[in-house]
N, C-alpha and C. Protein backbone atom coordinates (compact mmCIF):
# COMPACT_ATOMS: atom_id res chain seq x y z
N MET A 1 10.30 24.65 3.07
CA MET A 1 11.73 24.57 3.07
C MET A 1 12.21 24.50 1.63
N LYS A 2 13.24 25.21 1.35
CA LYS A 2 13.81 25.17 0.00
C LYS A 2 14.87 24.10 -0.06
N THR A 3 14.95 23.46 -1.24
CA THR A 3 15.98 22.45 -1.46
C THR A 3 16.37 22.49 -2.94
N ALA A 4 17.52 21.97 -3.23
CA ALA A 4 17.97 21.90 -4.62
C ALA A 4 18.14 20.44 -4.98
N ILE A 5 17.66 20.07 -6.16
CA ILE A 5 17.80 18.70 -6.64
C ILE A 5 18.27 18.72 -8.07
N SER A 6 18.86 17.62 -8.49
CA SER A 6 19.28 17.48 -9.88
C SER A 6 18.36 16.49 -10.56
N LEU A 7 17.89 16.85 -11.74
CA LEU A 7 16.98 15.99 -12.51
C LEU A 7 17.49 15.87 -13.93
N PRO A 8 17.24 14.73 -14.57
CA PRO A 8 17.54 14.64 -16.00
C PRO A 8 16.67 15.66 -16.75
N ASP A 9 17.19 16.17 -17.83
CA ASP A 9 16.47 17.20 -18.60
C ASP A 9 15.07 16.76 -19.01
N ALA A 10 14.95 15.52 -19.47
CA ALA A 10 13.64 15.03 -19.93
C ALA A 10 12.63 14.99 -18.79
N LEU A 11 13.07 14.58 -17.61
CA LEU A 11 12.17 14.53 -16.45
C LEU A 11 11.76 15.94 -16.03
N PHE A 12 12.69 16.87 -16.06
CA PHE A 12 12.38 18.26 -15.73
C PHE A 12 11.36 18.83 -16.71
N ALA A 13 11.55 18.57 -17.99
CA ALA A 13 10.62 19.07 -19.01
C ALA A 13 9.23 18.47 -18.82
N ALA A 14 9.19 17.19 -18.52
CA ALA A 14 7.89 16.53 -18.29
C ALA A 14 7.21 17.12 -17.04
N ALA A 15 8.00 17.41 -16.02
CA ALA A 15 7.45 18.01 -14.80
C ALA A 15 6.89 19.39 -15.09
N GLU A 16 7.62 20.18 -15.87
CA GLU A 16 7.15 21.52 -16.25
C GLU A 16 5.81 21.43 -16.99
N GLU A 17 5.74 20.53 -17.94
CA GLU A 17 4.52 20.37 -18.74
C GLU A 17 3.36 19.89 -17.87
N THR A 18 3.64 18.94 -17.00
CA THR A 18 2.59 18.41 -16.12
C THR A 18 2.09 19.48 -15.17
N ALA A 19 3.00 20.24 -14.58
CA ALA A 19 2.61 21.31 -13.66
C ALA A 19 1.72 22.32 -14.37
N LYS A 20 2.09 22.71 -15.57
CA LYS A 20 1.28 23.66 -16.34
C LYS A 20 -0.11 23.10 -16.64
N SER A 21 -0.16 21.83 -17.05
CA SER A 21 -1.44 21.25 -17.41
C SER A 21 -2.36 21.08 -16.19
N LEU A 22 -1.77 20.94 -15.01
CA LEU A 22 -2.56 20.81 -13.79
C LEU A 22 -2.81 22.14 -13.09
N GLY A 23 -2.20 23.19 -13.61
CA GLY A 23 -2.36 24.51 -13.00
C GLY A 23 -1.64 24.63 -11.67
N LEU A 24 -0.52 23.93 -11.55
CA LEU A 24 0.26 23.96 -10.31
C LEU A 24 1.60 24.63 -10.54
N ARG A 25 2.14 25.17 -9.47
CA ARG A 25 3.52 25.61 -9.54
C ARG A 25 4.39 24.35 -9.53
N ARG A 26 5.57 24.46 -10.10
CA ARG A 26 6.47 23.30 -10.17
C ARG A 26 6.76 22.76 -8.76
N SER A 27 6.98 23.63 -7.81
CA SER A 27 7.29 23.17 -6.45
C SER A 27 6.10 22.42 -5.84
N GLN A 28 4.88 22.84 -6.17
CA GLN A 28 3.70 22.13 -5.69
C GLN A 28 3.64 20.73 -6.30
N LEU A 29 3.95 20.64 -7.59
CA LEU A 29 3.96 19.34 -8.26
C LEU A 29 4.98 18.41 -7.61
N PHE A 30 6.19 18.90 -7.35
CA PHE A 30 7.21 18.06 -6.73
C PHE A 30 6.79 17.63 -5.33
N ALA A 31 6.22 18.54 -4.56
CA ALA A 31 5.77 18.21 -3.21
C ALA A 31 4.68 17.15 -3.25
N LYS A 32 3.71 17.32 -4.15
CA LYS A 32 2.61 16.35 -4.27
C LYS A 32 3.14 14.99 -4.72
N ALA A 33 4.04 14.98 -5.67
CA ALA A 33 4.61 13.72 -6.16
C ALA A 33 5.37 13.01 -5.05
N LEU A 34 6.13 13.75 -4.27
CA LEU A 34 6.88 13.15 -3.17
C LEU A 34 5.95 12.61 -2.10
N GLU A 35 4.89 13.36 -1.79
CA GLU A 35 3.88 12.90 -0.83
C GLU A 35 3.29 11.56 -1.26
N GLU A 36 2.88 11.48 -2.51
CA GLU A 36 2.27 10.26 -3.03
C GLU A 36 3.26 9.10 -3.03
N PHE A 37 4.50 9.37 -3.36
CA PHE A 37 5.53 8.33 -3.37
C PHE A 37 5.75 7.78 -1.96
N ILE A 38 5.86 8.68 -1.00
CA ILE A 38 6.07 8.26 0.39
C ILE A 38 4.85 7.48 0.89
N SER A 39 3.67 7.96 0.62
CA SER A 39 2.45 7.28 1.04
C SER A 39 2.38 5.87 0.47
N HIS A 40 2.71 5.73 -0.80
CA HIS A 40 2.71 4.42 -1.46
C HIS A 40 3.65 3.45 -0.76
N HIS A 41 4.84 3.92 -0.43
CA HIS A 41 5.83 3.05 0.19
C HIS A 41 5.50 2.75 1.64
N GLN A 42 4.82 3.65 2.32
CA GLN A 42 4.38 3.36 3.69
C GLN A 42 3.33 2.26 3.66
N LYS A 43 2.46 2.28 2.67
CA LYS A 43 1.45 1.22 2.54
C LYS A 43 2.12 -0.12 2.28
N GLU A 44 3.18 -0.12 1.48
CA GLU A 44 3.92 -1.36 1.22
C GLU A 44 4.50 -1.90 2.51
N ASN A 45 5.02 -1.01 3.36
CA ASN A 45 5.59 -1.45 4.63
C ASN A 45 4.53 -2.08 5.52
N ILE A 46 3.34 -1.52 5.51
CA ILE A 46 2.24 -2.08 6.31
C ILE A 46 1.92 -3.48 5.81
N THR A 47 1.86 -3.66 4.50
CA THR A 47 1.58 -4.97 3.93
C THR A 47 2.65 -5.97 4.33
N GLU A 48 3.92 -5.56 4.28
CA GLU A 48 5.01 -6.44 4.67
C GLU A 48 4.88 -6.85 6.14
N LYS A 49 4.49 -5.92 7.00
CA LYS A 49 4.33 -6.24 8.42
C LYS A 49 3.19 -7.22 8.63
N TYR A 50 2.07 -7.03 7.92
CA TYR A 50 0.97 -7.99 8.00
C TYR A 50 1.42 -9.37 7.52
N ASN A 51 2.18 -9.39 6.44
CA ASN A 51 2.68 -10.67 5.93
C ASN A 51 3.56 -11.36 6.96
N GLU A 52 4.40 -10.59 7.65
CA GLU A 52 5.24 -11.17 8.70
C GLU A 52 4.38 -11.75 9.81
N ILE A 53 3.37 -11.01 10.21
CA ILE A 53 2.50 -11.46 11.30
C ILE A 53 1.79 -12.75 10.92
N TYR A 54 1.22 -12.78 9.72
CA TYR A 54 0.41 -13.91 9.31
C TYR A 54 1.21 -15.12 8.85
N THR A 55 2.52 -14.96 8.69
CA THR A 55 3.34 -16.13 8.38
C THR A 55 3.87 -16.77 9.65
N ASN A 56 3.62 -16.14 10.78
CA ASN A 56 3.98 -16.72 12.07
C ASN A 56 3.20 -18.03 12.22
N ASN A 57 3.89 -19.13 12.48
CA ASN A 57 3.26 -20.45 12.52
C ASN A 57 2.12 -20.54 13.51
N GLU A 58 2.28 -19.97 14.69
CA GLU A 58 1.24 -20.06 15.71
C GLU A 58 -0.05 -19.41 15.21
N ILE A 59 0.07 -18.24 14.65
CA ILE A 59 -1.11 -17.55 14.13
C ILE A 59 -1.68 -18.32 12.95
N LYS A 60 -0.81 -18.86 12.11
CA LYS A 60 -1.26 -19.62 10.95
C LYS A 60 -2.05 -20.84 11.40
N GLN A 61 -1.55 -21.54 12.41
CA GLN A 61 -2.26 -22.72 12.92
C GLN A 61 -3.60 -22.33 13.51
N ASP A 62 -3.63 -21.23 14.29
CA ASP A 62 -4.89 -20.77 14.86
C ASP A 62 -5.89 -20.43 13.76
N THR A 63 -5.41 -19.76 12.73
CA THR A 63 -6.27 -19.39 11.61
C THR A 63 -6.81 -20.63 10.91
N GLU A 64 -5.95 -21.61 10.71
CA GLU A 64 -6.38 -22.85 10.06
C GLU A 64 -7.44 -23.56 10.90
N GLU A 65 -7.27 -23.53 12.22
CA GLU A 65 -8.26 -24.16 13.11
C GLU A 65 -9.61 -23.45 13.00
N ILE A 66 -9.58 -22.13 12.97
CA ILE A 66 -10.81 -21.36 12.85
C ILE A 66 -11.50 -21.66 11.53
N VAL A 67 -10.74 -21.72 10.46
CA VAL A 67 -11.31 -22.02 9.15
C VAL A 67 -11.93 -23.42 9.16
N THR A 68 -11.26 -24.37 9.77
CA THR A 68 -11.79 -25.74 9.86
C THR A 68 -13.11 -25.75 10.62
N ILE A 69 -13.17 -25.04 11.74
CA ILE A 69 -14.40 -24.97 12.53
C ILE A 69 -15.52 -24.34 11.71
N LEU A 70 -15.22 -23.25 11.03
CA LEU A 70 -16.25 -22.58 10.21
C LEU A 70 -16.73 -23.48 9.08
N ASN A 71 -15.80 -24.21 8.47
CA ASN A 71 -16.18 -25.14 7.41
C ASN A 71 -17.07 -26.25 7.95
N LEU A 72 -16.75 -26.78 9.13
CA LEU A 72 -17.58 -27.82 9.73
C LEU A 72 -18.97 -27.29 10.05
N ARG A 73 -19.01 -26.07 10.54
CA ARG A 73 -20.33 -25.48 10.83
C ARG A 73 -21.16 -25.36 9.56
N GLU A 74 -20.51 -24.93 8.49
CA GLU A 74 -21.22 -24.76 7.22
C GLU A 74 -21.69 -26.12 6.70
N LEU A 75 -20.84 -27.13 6.81
CA LEU A 75 -21.19 -28.46 6.32
C LEU A 75 -22.31 -29.11 7.12
N THR A 76 -22.40 -28.76 8.39
CA THR A 76 -23.39 -29.42 9.26
C THR A 76 -24.57 -28.53 9.61
N LYS A 77 -24.72 -27.39 8.96
CA LYS A 77 -25.77 -26.45 9.33
C LYS A 77 -27.17 -27.01 9.17
N ASN A 78 -27.36 -27.94 8.25
CA ASN A 78 -28.70 -28.50 8.03
C ASN A 78 -28.91 -29.83 8.75
N ASP A 79 -27.89 -30.29 9.46
CA ASP A 79 -28.04 -31.53 10.19
C ASP A 79 -28.88 -31.32 11.44
N SER A 80 -29.69 -32.30 11.78
CA SER A 80 -30.46 -32.21 13.01
C SER A 80 -29.69 -32.94 14.09
N TRP A 81 -29.54 -32.29 15.20
CA TRP A 81 -28.76 -32.87 16.30
C TRP A 81 -29.71 -33.33 17.33
């Protein structure tokens, strides 16, 4: 799909130089840059969602209980019962 965008002159010149040095057409460079930008921000969204999940008190309490149990197991592993 064709589109028109406005860029500052310095950014356009840098894009031209980068495309030439990578052996890409300018449109390929813009497409690749946009792909990488979107991918980066999608990963950030995933991290934010995980943060929301793990800040939920119920899950946090469950996690703390599991850690406590694992720590007790480690502390008592050499004890004879």
